[in-house]
Amino acid sequence: MHHARFIIFLTITLFYSIQSYGSTDFALIQQQGQLANDTYLPPTELEAALKLQEQVLIHQNIMPGSNVSYFLSRSQGAQTLSIRGTANLENALVDLNLSLRDNKTLNIKLHQGFASAAVAVYNDVQPFLDLNEPIYITGHSLGGAIAVILGMYLSLEDAQISQIVTFGQPKVTNVTGANAFSQLPLIRVVNQSDIVPLVPPISPMQIKDLDIFWHMGSEIILNGSNEFSITSGIKSALRATKFTTSIPNQANLIAHKMDTYLTHISQLRKGAVEVPYKMGIDLFGVSID
């Protein structure tokens, strides 16, 4: 019975997941990736590094409790919010808080750990953020998850969100939440062997309640060399079934590093070739490719 309900659910979500893509701006992705990488710099080195990228540091802070770090910078009349990924035990505890909880402000369910961290950043950055200027938001890993939720909050204020670009970002909400904020201009960049974007995995209880963690936006899969693929919706969600039964290895850890992302993006800047993504998954007798 549960399998039948899930197949019906997949059919519906597949229908709503079909979308077209324009050309991929790897120059913008590289720029945002470098800013995401800058979040790992010591505060004493950050301002100088940003100047080399023609960015002016407006504000930087580390949130008490979660120890999540972020900065706000400005360049050529646009602002960028950059949020650091998992860097310590406190961040890991945020990652592990996997429960989906109702968020009354956004009227959706969110990953509780990511939501709490995002609210702290949102409250802290408001005095420094100009809602009348274009805003870019970026982050790696945990930082990418927070970036998406920040985009949700800012969209309620009619902020000029130009683009959200995340790297190795885990899921933050369920199908209903993803649909509610489907208008967000989100690009999720993932390395082929990075398993972090595949979590939280689909659980039997979620299938039963049709309350499944679900990705938003378009997913750009970096295949190595100068090849990439683009997916969304059902393909993004079900990629997890190929990895969640295996133990993470060294290749997975390397694939998740921001340095690895920047290397692959640099290769794509020299000449990108888009190839179809083949999952090779047969789910309950239904071929998903």
C-alpha atoms as a PDB file:
ATOM      1  CA  MET A   1       0.000   0.000   0.000  1.00  0.00           C
ATOM      2  CA  HIS A   2       2.768   2.431   0.968  1.00  0.00           C
ATOM      3  CA  HIS A   3       4.635   1.597  -2.257  1.00  0.00           C
ATOM      4  CA  ALA A   4       1.538   2.383  -4.326  1.00  0.00           C
ATOM      5  CA  ARG A   5       1.043   5.714  -2.574  1.00  0.00           C
ATOM      6  CA  PHE A   6       4.677   6.580  -3.089  1.00  0.00           C
ATOM      7  CA  ILE A   7       4.546   5.821  -6.827  1.00  0.00           C
ATOM      8  CA  ILE A   8       1.491   8.079  -7.182  1.00  0.00           C
ATOM      9  CA  PHE A   9       3.341  10.722  -5.192  1.00  0.00           C
ATOM     10  CA  LEU A  10       6.399  10.434  -7.457  1.00  0.00           C
ATOM     11  CA  THR A  11       4.251  10.769 -10.568  1.00  0.00           C
ATOM     12  CA  ILE A  12       2.713  13.986  -9.262  1.00  0.00           C
ATOM     13  CA  THR A  13       6.029  15.480  -8.153  1.00  0.00           C
ATOM     14  CA  LEU A  14       7.719  14.506 -11.401  1.00  0.00           C
ATOM     15  CA  PHE A  15       5.030  16.409 -13.296  1.00  0.00           C
ATOM     16  CA  TYR A  16       5.614  19.519 -11.211  1.00  0.00           C
ATOM     17  CA  SER A  17       9.402  19.145 -11.356  1.00  0.00           C
ATOM     18  CA  ILE A  18       9.729  19.522 -15.128  1.00  0.00           C
ATOM     19  CA  GLN A  19      11.340  22.843 -15.983  1.00  0.00           C
ATOM     20  CA  SER A  20      13.597  24.368 -18.596  1.00  0.00           C
ATOM     21  CA  TYR A  21      17.036  25.806 -18.009  1.00  0.00           C
ATOM     22  CA  GLY A  22      18.825  28.720 -19.558  1.00  0.00           C
ATOM     23  CA  SER A  23      22.550  28.920 -20.135  1.00  0.00           C
ATOM     24  CA  THR A  24      24.689  28.260 -17.070  1.00  0.00           C
ATOM     25  CA  ASP A  25      26.754  31.233 -15.864  1.00  0.00           C
ATOM     26  CA  PHE A  26      29.924  29.603 -14.556  1.00  0.00           C
ATOM     27  CA  ALA A  27      31.578  33.002 -14.120  1.00  0.00           C
ATOM     28  CA  LEU A  28      28.928  33.924 -11.545  1.00  0.00           C
ATOM     29  CA  ILE A  29      29.151  30.478  -9.962  1.00  0.00           C
ATOM     30  CA  GLN A  30      32.924  30.800  -9.653  1.00  0.00           C
ATOM     31  CA  GLN A  31      32.598  34.265  -8.105  1.00  0.00           C
ATOM     32  CA  GLN A  32      30.067  33.061  -5.554  1.00  0.00           C
ATOM     33  CA  GLY A  33      32.140  29.935  -4.899  1.00  0.00           C
ATOM     34  CA  GLN A  34      35.174  32.049  -4.069  1.00  0.00           C
ATOM     35  CA  LEU A  35      33.114  34.095  -1.614  1.00  0.00           C
ATOM     36  CA  ALA A  36      31.776  30.899  -0.038  1.00  0.00           C
ATOM     37  CA  ASN A  37      35.380  29.747   0.293  1.00  0.00           C
ATOM     38  CA  ASP A  38      36.369  33.074   1.890  1.00  0.00           C
ATOM     39  CA  THR A  39      34.061  32.312   4.832  1.00  0.00           C
ATOM     40  CA  TYR A  40      36.700  29.858   6.087  1.00  0.00           C
ATOM     41  CA  LEU A  41      39.368  32.570   6.327  1.00  0.00           C
ATOM     42  CA  PRO A  42      40.384  33.969   9.729  1.00  0.00           C
ATOM     43  CA  PRO A  43      38.624  37.312  10.365  1.00  0.00           C
ATOM     44  CA  THR A  44      42.012  39.073  10.277  1.00  0.00           C
ATOM     45  CA  GLU A  45      42.542  37.970   6.657  1.00  0.00           C
ATOM     46  CA  LEU A  46      39.018  38.373   5.315  1.00  0.00           C
ATOM     47  CA  GLU A  47      38.929  42.074   4.475  1.00  0.00           C
ATOM     48  CA  ALA A  48      42.169  41.961   2.465  1.00  0.00           C
ATOM     49  CA  ALA A  49      41.031  38.872   0.554  1.00  0.00           C
ATOM     50  CA  LEU A  50      37.736  40.538  -0.345  1.00  0.00           C
ATOM     51  CA  LYS A  51      39.506  43.651  -1.641  1.00  0.00           C
ATOM     52  CA  LEU A  52      41.345  41.482  -4.164  1.00  0.00           C
ATOM     53  CA  GLN A  53      37.903  40.463  -5.474  1.00  0.00           C
ATOM     54  CA  GLU A  54      36.709  44.091  -5.539  1.00  0.00           C
ATOM     55  CA  GLN A  55      34.411  43.377  -2.606  1.00  0.00           C
ATOM     56  CA  VAL A  56      34.053  45.701   0.402  1.00  0.00           C
ATOM     57  CA  LEU A  57      33.431  44.037   3.771  1.00  0.00           C
ATOM     58  CA  ILE A  58      30.306  45.521   5.396  1.00  0.00           C
ATOM     59  CA  HIS A  59      29.829  43.209   8.377  1.00  0.00           C
ATOM     60  CA  GLN A  60      31.158  39.920   9.727  1.00  0.00           C
ATOM     61  CA  ASN A  61      30.064  37.935  12.769  1.00  0.00           C
ATOM     62  CA  ILE A  62      30.036  34.522  14.442  1.00  0.00           C
ATOM     63  CA  MET A  63      26.728  33.489  15.987  1.00  0.00           C
ATOM     64  CA  PRO A  64      26.898  32.505  19.662  1.00  0.00           C
ATOM     65  CA  GLY A  65      25.694  28.996  20.407  1.00  0.00           C
ATOM     66  CA  SER A  66      25.821  27.562  16.889  1.00  0.00           C
ATOM     67  CA  ASN A  67      29.198  29.184  16.067  1.00  0.00           C
ATOM     68  CA  VAL A  68      27.939  29.783  12.514  1.00  0.00           C
ATOM     69  CA  SER A  69      30.069  32.426  10.779  1.00  0.00           C
ATOM     70  CA  TYR A  70      28.999  34.732   7.947  1.00  0.00           C
ATOM     71  CA  PHE A  71      29.870  38.024   6.298  1.00  0.00           C
ATOM     72  CA  LEU A  72      28.128  40.671   4.214  1.00  0.00           C
ATOM     73  CA  SER A  73      30.065  42.342   1.407  1.00  0.00           C
ATOM     74  CA  ARG A  74      29.257  44.832  -1.356  1.00  0.00           C
ATOM     75  CA  SER A  75      30.535  45.273  -4.902  1.00  0.00           C
ATOM     76  CA  GLN A  76      29.267  47.454  -7.742  1.00  0.00           C
ATOM     77  CA  GLY A  77      25.945  48.222  -6.112  1.00  0.00           C
ATOM     78  CA  ALA A  78      25.156  44.630  -5.114  1.00  0.00           C
ATOM     79  CA  GLN A  79      25.429  42.856  -1.762  1.00  0.00           C
ATOM     80  CA  THR A  80      26.470  39.285  -1.044  1.00  0.00           C
ATOM     81  CA  LEU A  81      25.665  37.275   2.066  1.00  0.00           C
ATOM     82  CA  SER A  82      28.210  34.443   2.462  1.00  0.00           C
ATOM     83  CA  ILE A  83      27.751  31.768   5.134  1.00  0.00           C
ATOM     84  CA  ARG A  84      30.417  29.316   6.331  1.00  0.00           C
ATOM     85  CA  GLY A  85      29.944  25.566   6.207  1.00  0.00           C
ATOM     86  CA  THR A  86      30.569  22.981   8.926  1.00  0.00           C
ATOM     87  CA  ALA A  87      33.788  23.886  10.692  1.00  0.00           C
ATOM     88  CA  ASN A  88      33.512  22.559  14.241  1.00  0.00           C
ATOM     89  CA  LEU A  89      31.516  20.481  16.744  1.00  0.00           C
ATOM     90  CA  GLU A  90      28.842  23.141  17.251  1.00  0.00           C
ATOM     91  CA  ASN A  91      28.195  23.280  13.506  1.00  0.00           C
ATOM     92  CA  ALA A  92      28.023  19.479  13.363  1.00  0.00           C
ATOM     93  CA  LEU A  93      25.348  19.481  16.064  1.00  0.00           C
ATOM     94  CA  VAL A  94      23.335  21.927  13.949  1.00  0.00           C
ATOM     95  CA  ASP A  95      23.684  19.541  10.980  1.00  0.00           C
ATOM     96  CA  LEU A  96      22.522  16.546  13.037  1.00  0.00           C
ATOM     97  CA  ASN A  97      19.304  18.156  14.289  1.00  0.00           C
ATOM     98  CA  LEU A  98      17.277  16.419  11.550  1.00  0.00           C
ATOM     99  CA  SER A  99      13.688  16.934  12.673  1.00  0.00           C
ATOM    100  CA  LEU A 100      11.263  18.773  10.408  1.00  0.00           C
ATOM    101  CA  ARG A 101       9.413  21.389  12.440  1.00  0.00           C
ATOM    102  CA  ASP A 102       6.662  23.856  11.554  1.00  0.00           C
ATOM    103  CA  ASN A 103       7.926  27.382  10.916  1.00  0.00           C
ATOM    104  CA  LYS A 104       5.115  29.830  11.614  1.00  0.00           C
ATOM    105  CA  THR A 105       6.792  32.771   9.878  1.00  0.00           C
ATOM    106  CA  LEU A 106       7.369  30.932   6.589  1.00  0.00           C
ATOM    107  CA  ASN A 107       4.320  28.643   7.012  1.00  0.00           C
ATOM    108  CA  ILE A 108       6.293  25.530   5.999  1.00  0.00           C
ATOM    109  CA  LYS A 109       8.291  22.778   7.689  1.00  0.00           C
ATOM    110  CA  LEU A 110      12.065  23.190   7.983  1.00  0.00           C
ATOM    111  CA  HIS A 111      15.088  21.192   9.180  1.00  0.00           C
ATOM    112  CA  GLN A 112      15.172  22.419  12.772  1.00  0.00           C
ATOM    113  CA  GLY A 113      18.955  22.840  13.101  1.00  0.00           C
ATOM    114  CA  PHE A 114      19.328  24.810   9.862  1.00  0.00           C
ATOM    115  CA  ALA A 115      16.267  26.943  10.628  1.00  0.00           C
ATOM    116  CA  SER A 116      17.548  28.021  14.059  1.00  0.00           C
ATOM    117  CA  ALA A 117      20.955  28.951  12.628  1.00  0.00           C
ATOM    118  CA  ALA A 118      19.363  30.896   9.756  1.00  0.00           C
ATOM    119  CA  VAL A 119      17.149  32.941  12.084  1.00  0.00           C
ATOM    120  CA  ALA A 120      20.204  33.956  14.122  1.00  0.00           C
ATOM    121  CA  VAL A 121      22.012  35.184  10.990  1.00  0.00           C
ATOM    122  CA  TYR A 122      18.873  36.880   9.663  1.00  0.00           C
ATOM    123  CA  ASN A 123      18.346  38.855  12.872  1.00  0.00           C
ATOM    124  CA  ASP A 124      22.016  39.799  13.069  1.00  0.00           C
ATOM    125  CA  VAL A 125      22.427  41.025   9.477  1.00  0.00           C
ATOM    126  CA  GLN A 126      19.232  43.088   9.162  1.00  0.00           C
ATOM    127  CA  PRO A 127      20.721  46.409  10.392  1.00  0.00           C
ATOM    128  CA  PHE A 128      23.457  46.168   7.722  1.00  0.00           C
ATOM    129  CA  LEU A 129      21.416  44.918   4.758  1.00  0.00           C
ATOM    130  CA  ASP A 130      19.905  47.276   2.169  1.00  0.00           C
ATOM    131  CA  LEU A 131      16.714  45.651   0.857  1.00  0.00           C
ATOM    132  CA  ASN A 132      16.620  48.116  -2.044  1.00  0.00           C
ATOM    133  CA  GLU A 133      19.891  46.816  -3.501  1.00  0.00           C
ATOM    134  CA  PRO A 134      20.364  43.484  -5.334  1.00  0.00           C
ATOM    135  CA  ILE A 135      21.283  40.650  -2.963  1.00  0.00           C
ATOM    136  CA  TYR A 136      23.280  37.503  -3.682  1.00  0.00           C
ATOM    137  CA  ILE A 137      23.435  34.693  -1.118  1.00  0.00           C
ATOM    138  CA  THR A 138      25.966  31.871  -1.072  1.00  0.00           C
ATOM    139  CA  GLY A 139      27.343  29.181   1.201  1.00  0.00           C
ATOM    140  CA  HIS A 140      28.964  25.759   1.317  1.00  0.00           C
ATOM    141  CA  SER A 141      27.520  22.708   3.100  1.00  0.00           C
ATOM    142  CA  LEU A 142      25.732  23.907   6.277  1.00  0.00           C
ATOM    143  CA  GLY A 143      26.264  27.453   4.960  1.00  0.00           C
ATOM    144  CA  GLY A 144      24.365  26.573   1.790  1.00  0.00           C
ATOM    145  CA  ALA A 145      21.399  25.279   3.783  1.00  0.00           C
ATOM    146  CA  ILE A 146      21.308  28.494   5.812  1.00  0.00           C
ATOM    147  CA  ALA A 147      21.623  30.530   2.585  1.00  0.00           C
ATOM    148  CA  VAL A 148      18.430  28.972   1.187  1.00  0.00           C
ATOM    149  CA  ILE A 149      16.437  29.665   4.350  1.00  0.00           C
ATOM    150  CA  LEU A 150      17.745  33.249   4.453  1.00  0.00           C
ATOM    151  CA  GLY A 151      16.466  33.603   0.906  1.00  0.00           C
ATOM    152  CA  MET A 152      13.031  32.455   2.093  1.00  0.00           C
ATOM    153  CA  TYR A 153      12.930  35.063   4.859  1.00  0.00           C
ATOM    154  CA  LEU A 154      14.175  37.862   2.598  1.00  0.00           C
ATOM    155  CA  SER A 155      11.620  36.979  -0.081  1.00  0.00           C
ATOM    156  CA  LEU A 156       8.863  37.782   2.426  1.00  0.00           C
ATOM    157  CA  GLU A 157      10.275  41.310   2.606  1.00  0.00           C
ATOM    158  CA  ASP A 158      10.280  41.670  -1.192  1.00  0.00           C
ATOM    159  CA  ALA A 159      14.063  41.919  -1.157  1.00  0.00           C
ATOM    160  CA  GLN A 160      15.818  42.013  -4.532  1.00  0.00           C
ATOM    161  CA  ILE A 161      17.313  38.521  -4.468  1.00  0.00           C
ATOM    162  CA  SER A 162      19.364  38.249  -7.645  1.00  0.00           C
ATOM    163  CA  GLN A 163      20.696  34.718  -7.095  1.00  0.00           C
ATOM    164  CA  ILE A 164      21.294  32.108  -4.426  1.00  0.00           C
ATOM    165  CA  VAL A 165      24.218  29.790  -5.210  1.00  0.00           C
ATOM    166  CA  THR A 166      25.035  26.921  -2.847  1.00  0.00           C
ATOM    167  CA  PHE A 167      27.767  24.275  -2.889  1.00  0.00           C
ATOM    168  CA  GLY A 168      27.355  20.789  -1.397  1.00  0.00           C
ATOM    169  CA  GLN A 169      24.105  21.845   0.265  1.00  0.00           C
ATOM    170  CA  PRO A 170      21.946  19.357   2.224  1.00  0.00           C
ATOM    171  CA  LYS A 171      18.133  19.453   2.052  1.00  0.00           C
ATOM    172  CA  VAL A 172      16.284  21.982   4.215  1.00  0.00           C
ATOM    173  CA  THR A 173      12.548  21.344   3.786  1.00  0.00           C
ATOM    174  CA  ASN A 174       9.931  18.927   2.456  1.00  0.00           C
ATOM    175  CA  VAL A 175       7.994  18.797  -0.829  1.00  0.00           C
ATOM    176  CA  THR A 176       5.387  21.313   0.349  1.00  0.00           C
ATOM    177  CA  GLY A 177       8.054  23.749   1.520  1.00  0.00           C
ATOM    178  CA  ALA A 178      10.026  23.415  -1.714  1.00  0.00           C
ATOM    179  CA  ASN A 179       6.904  24.146  -3.770  1.00  0.00           C
ATOM    180  CA  ALA A 180       5.987  27.147  -1.595  1.00  0.00           C
ATOM    181  CA  PHE A 181       9.334  28.800  -2.342  1.00  0.00           C
ATOM    182  CA  SER A 182       9.917  27.444  -5.835  1.00  0.00           C
ATOM    183  CA  GLN A 183      10.254  31.017  -7.125  1.00  0.00           C
ATOM    184  CA  LEU A 184      13.580  31.516  -5.333  1.00  0.00           C
ATOM    185  CA  PRO A 185      16.423  31.919  -7.872  1.00  0.00           C
ATOM    186  CA  LEU A 186      18.412  28.987  -6.478  1.00  0.00           C
ATOM    187  CA  ILE A 187      21.311  27.141  -8.105  1.00  0.00           C
ATOM    188  CA  ARG A 188      22.679  24.171  -6.165  1.00  0.00           C
ATOM    189  CA  VAL A 189      26.140  23.114  -7.289  1.00  0.00           C
ATOM    190  CA  VAL A 190      27.103  19.552  -6.314  1.00  0.00           C
ATOM    191  CA  ASN A 191      30.073  17.322  -7.014  1.00  0.00           C
ATOM    192  CA  GLN A 192      29.142  13.889  -8.339  1.00  0.00           C
ATOM    193  CA  SER A 193      30.669  12.005  -5.367  1.00  0.00           C
ATOM    194  CA  ASP A 194      29.643  14.477  -2.663  1.00  0.00           C
ATOM    195  CA  ILE A 195      27.052  12.709  -0.477  1.00  0.00           C
ATOM    196  CA  VAL A 196      26.159  15.730   1.695  1.00  0.00           C
ATOM    197  CA  PRO A 197      23.608  17.049  -0.866  1.00  0.00           C
ATOM    198  CA  LEU A 198      21.890  13.657  -0.611  1.00  0.00           C
ATOM    199  CA  VAL A 199      21.007  14.014   3.072  1.00  0.00           C
ATOM    200  CA  PRO A 200      18.779  13.815   4.982  1.00  0.00           C
ATOM    201  CA  PRO A 201      17.912  10.560   3.169  1.00  0.00           C
ATOM    202  CA  ILE A 202      14.392   9.370   2.439  1.00  0.00           C
ATOM    203  CA  SER A 203      13.061   7.328   5.376  1.00  0.00           C
ATOM    204  CA  PRO A 204      10.172   4.782   5.413  1.00  0.00           C
ATOM    205  CA  MET A 205       8.245   6.965   7.875  1.00  0.00           C
ATOM    206  CA  GLN A 206       8.484   9.958   5.536  1.00  0.00           C
ATOM    207  CA  ILE A 207       7.254   7.826   2.629  1.00  0.00           C
ATOM    208  CA  LYS A 208       4.304   6.717   4.740  1.00  0.00           C
ATOM    209  CA  ASP A 209       3.341  10.312   5.546  1.00  0.00           C
ATOM    210  CA  LEU A 210       4.375  11.672   2.114  1.00  0.00           C
ATOM    211  CA  ASP A 211       6.491  14.171   4.079  1.00  0.00           C
ATOM    212  CA  ILE A 212       9.857  13.764   2.351  1.00  0.00           C
ATOM    213  CA  PHE A 213      12.919  16.008   2.555  1.00  0.00           C
ATOM    214  CA  TRP A 214      13.081  17.645  -0.865  1.00  0.00           C
ATOM    215  CA  HIS A 215      15.555  19.856  -2.717  1.00  0.00           C
ATOM    216  CA  MET A 216      14.656  23.162  -4.343  1.00  0.00           C
ATOM    217  CA  GLY A 217      16.009  24.935  -7.405  1.00  0.00           C
ATOM    218  CA  SER A 218      18.143  23.571 -10.222  1.00  0.00           C
ATOM    219  CA  GLU A 219      21.000  21.197  -9.426  1.00  0.00           C
ATOM    220  CA  ILE A 220      24.242  21.473 -11.384  1.00  0.00           C
ATOM    221  CA  ILE A 221      26.201  18.235 -11.045  1.00  0.00           C
ATOM    222  CA  LEU A 222      29.935  18.580 -11.620  1.00  0.00           C
ATOM    223  CA  ASN A 223      31.092  15.347 -13.230  1.00  0.00           C
ATOM    224  CA  GLY A 224      34.790  16.208 -13.332  1.00  0.00           C
ATOM    225  CA  SER A 225      36.930  17.487 -16.205  1.00  0.00           C
ATOM    226  CA  ASN A 226      34.727  19.873 -18.207  1.00  0.00           C
ATOM    227  CA  GLU A 227      31.421  17.980 -18.046  1.00  0.00           C
ATOM    228  CA  PHE A 228      28.321  18.845 -16.048  1.00  0.00           C
ATOM    229  CA  SER A 229      24.663  17.806 -15.826  1.00  0.00           C
ATOM    230  CA  ILE A 230      21.541  19.627 -14.676  1.00  0.00           C
ATOM    231  CA  THR A 231      18.663  18.068 -12.728  1.00  0.00           C
ATOM    232  CA  SER A 232      15.824  19.125 -10.441  1.00  0.00           C
ATOM    233  CA  GLY A 233      12.886  17.746  -8.465  1.00  0.00           C
ATOM    234  CA  ILE A 234      12.554  13.970  -8.514  1.00  0.00           C
ATOM    235  CA  LYS A 235      16.028  13.314  -9.911  1.00  0.00           C
ATOM    236  CA  SER A 236      17.642  15.464  -7.239  1.00  0.00           C
ATOM    237  CA  ALA A 237      15.737  13.664  -4.497  1.00  0.00           C
ATOM    238  CA  LEU A 238      16.295  10.120  -5.731  1.00  0.00           C
ATOM    239  CA  ARG A 239      20.026  10.485  -6.404  1.00  0.00           C
ATOM    240  CA  ALA A 240      20.316   9.733  -2.674  1.00  0.00           C
ATOM    241  CA  THR A 241      19.212   6.144  -3.165  1.00  0.00           C
ATOM    242  CA  LYS A 242      22.520   5.359  -4.893  1.00  0.00           C
ATOM    243  CA  PHE A 243      24.661   6.400  -1.933  1.00  0.00           C
ATOM    244  CA  THR A 244      22.815   6.226   1.368  1.00  0.00           C
ATOM    245  CA  THR A 245      23.365   2.467   1.760  1.00  0.00           C
ATOM    246  CA  SER A 246      27.144   2.802   1.480  1.00  0.00           C
ATOM    247  CA  ILE A 247      29.676   4.007   4.039  1.00  0.00           C
ATOM    248  CA  PRO A 248      31.236   7.390   3.193  1.00  0.00           C
ATOM    249  CA  ASN A 249      34.815   7.039   1.975  1.00  0.00           C
ATOM    250  CA  GLN A 250      37.782   9.335   1.397  1.00  0.00           C
ATOM    251  CA  ALA A 251      36.591  10.180  -2.111  1.00  0.00           C
ATOM    252  CA  ASN A 252      33.279  11.441  -0.684  1.00  0.00           C
ATOM    253  CA  LEU A 253      35.107  13.644   1.822  1.00  0.00           C
ATOM    254  CA  ILE A 254      37.378  15.114  -0.845  1.00  0.00           C
ATOM    255  CA  ALA A 255      34.393  15.719  -3.129  1.00  0.00           C
ATOM    256  CA  HIS A 256      32.730  17.778  -0.396  1.00  0.00           C
ATOM    257  CA  LYS A 257      35.664  20.167   0.073  1.00  0.00           C
ATOM    258  CA  MET A 258      35.228  23.687  -1.238  1.00  0.00           C
ATOM    259  CA  ASP A 259      38.655  23.480  -2.869  1.00  0.00           C
ATOM    260  CA  THR A 260      37.410  20.564  -4.981  1.00  0.00           C
ATOM    261  CA  TYR A 261      34.372  22.550  -6.047  1.00  0.00           C
ATOM    262  CA  LEU A 262      36.508  25.507  -7.108  1.00  0.00           C
ATOM    263  CA  THR A 263      38.844  23.245  -9.096  1.00  0.00           C
ATOM    264  CA  HIS A 264      35.963  21.698 -11.047  1.00  0.00           C
ATOM    265  CA  ILE A 265      34.314  25.078 -11.660  1.00  0.00           C
ATOM    266  CA  SER A 266      37.605  26.496 -12.956  1.00  0.00           C
ATOM    267  CA  GLN A 267      37.772  23.630 -15.465  1.00  0.00           C
ATOM    268  CA  LEU A 268      34.225  24.407 -16.610  1.00  0.00           C
ATOM    269  CA  ARG A 269      35.116  28.066 -17.155  1.00  0.00           C
ATOM    270  CA  LYS A 270      37.607  26.924 -19.815  1.00  0.00           C
ATOM    271  CA  GLY A 271      35.007  24.929 -21.754  1.00  0.00           C
ATOM    272  CA  ALA A 272      31.834  23.384 -20.334  1.00  0.00           C
ATOM    273  CA  VAL A 273      30.048  20.426 -21.900  1.00  0.00           C
ATOM    274  CA  GLU A 274      26.541  19.587 -20.662  1.00  0.00           C
ATOM    275  CA  VAL A 275      25.706  15.857 -20.636  1.00  0.00           C
ATOM    276  CA  PRO A 276      22.452  14.106 -19.626  1.00  0.00           C
ATOM    277  CA  TYR A 277      22.460  12.726 -16.093  1.00  0.00           C
ATOM    278  CA  LYS A 278      21.645   9.021 -15.965  1.00  0.00           C
ATOM    279  CA  MET A 279      20.664   7.724 -12.536  1.00  0.00           C
ATOM    280  CA  GLY A 280      20.108   4.099 -13.487  1.00  0.00           C
ATOM    281  CA  ILE A 281      17.565   3.686 -10.672  1.00  0.00           C
ATOM    282  CA  ASP A 282      14.639   1.256 -10.677  1.00  0.00           C
ATOM    283  CA  LEU A 283      12.281   2.143  -7.820  1.00  0.00           C
ATOM    284  CA  PHE A 284       9.411  -0.249  -7.069  1.00  0.00           C
ATOM    285  CA  GLY A 285       9.496  -1.339 -10.727  1.00  0.00           C
ATOM    286  CA  VAL A 286       9.467   2.246 -12.034  1.00  0.00           C
ATOM    287  CA  SER A 287      12.530   3.287 -14.034  1.00  0.00           C
ATOM    288  CA  ILE A 288      13.765   6.766 -13.067  1.00  0.00           C
ATOM    289  CA  ASP A 289      16.278   8.150 -15.576  1.00  0.00           C
END
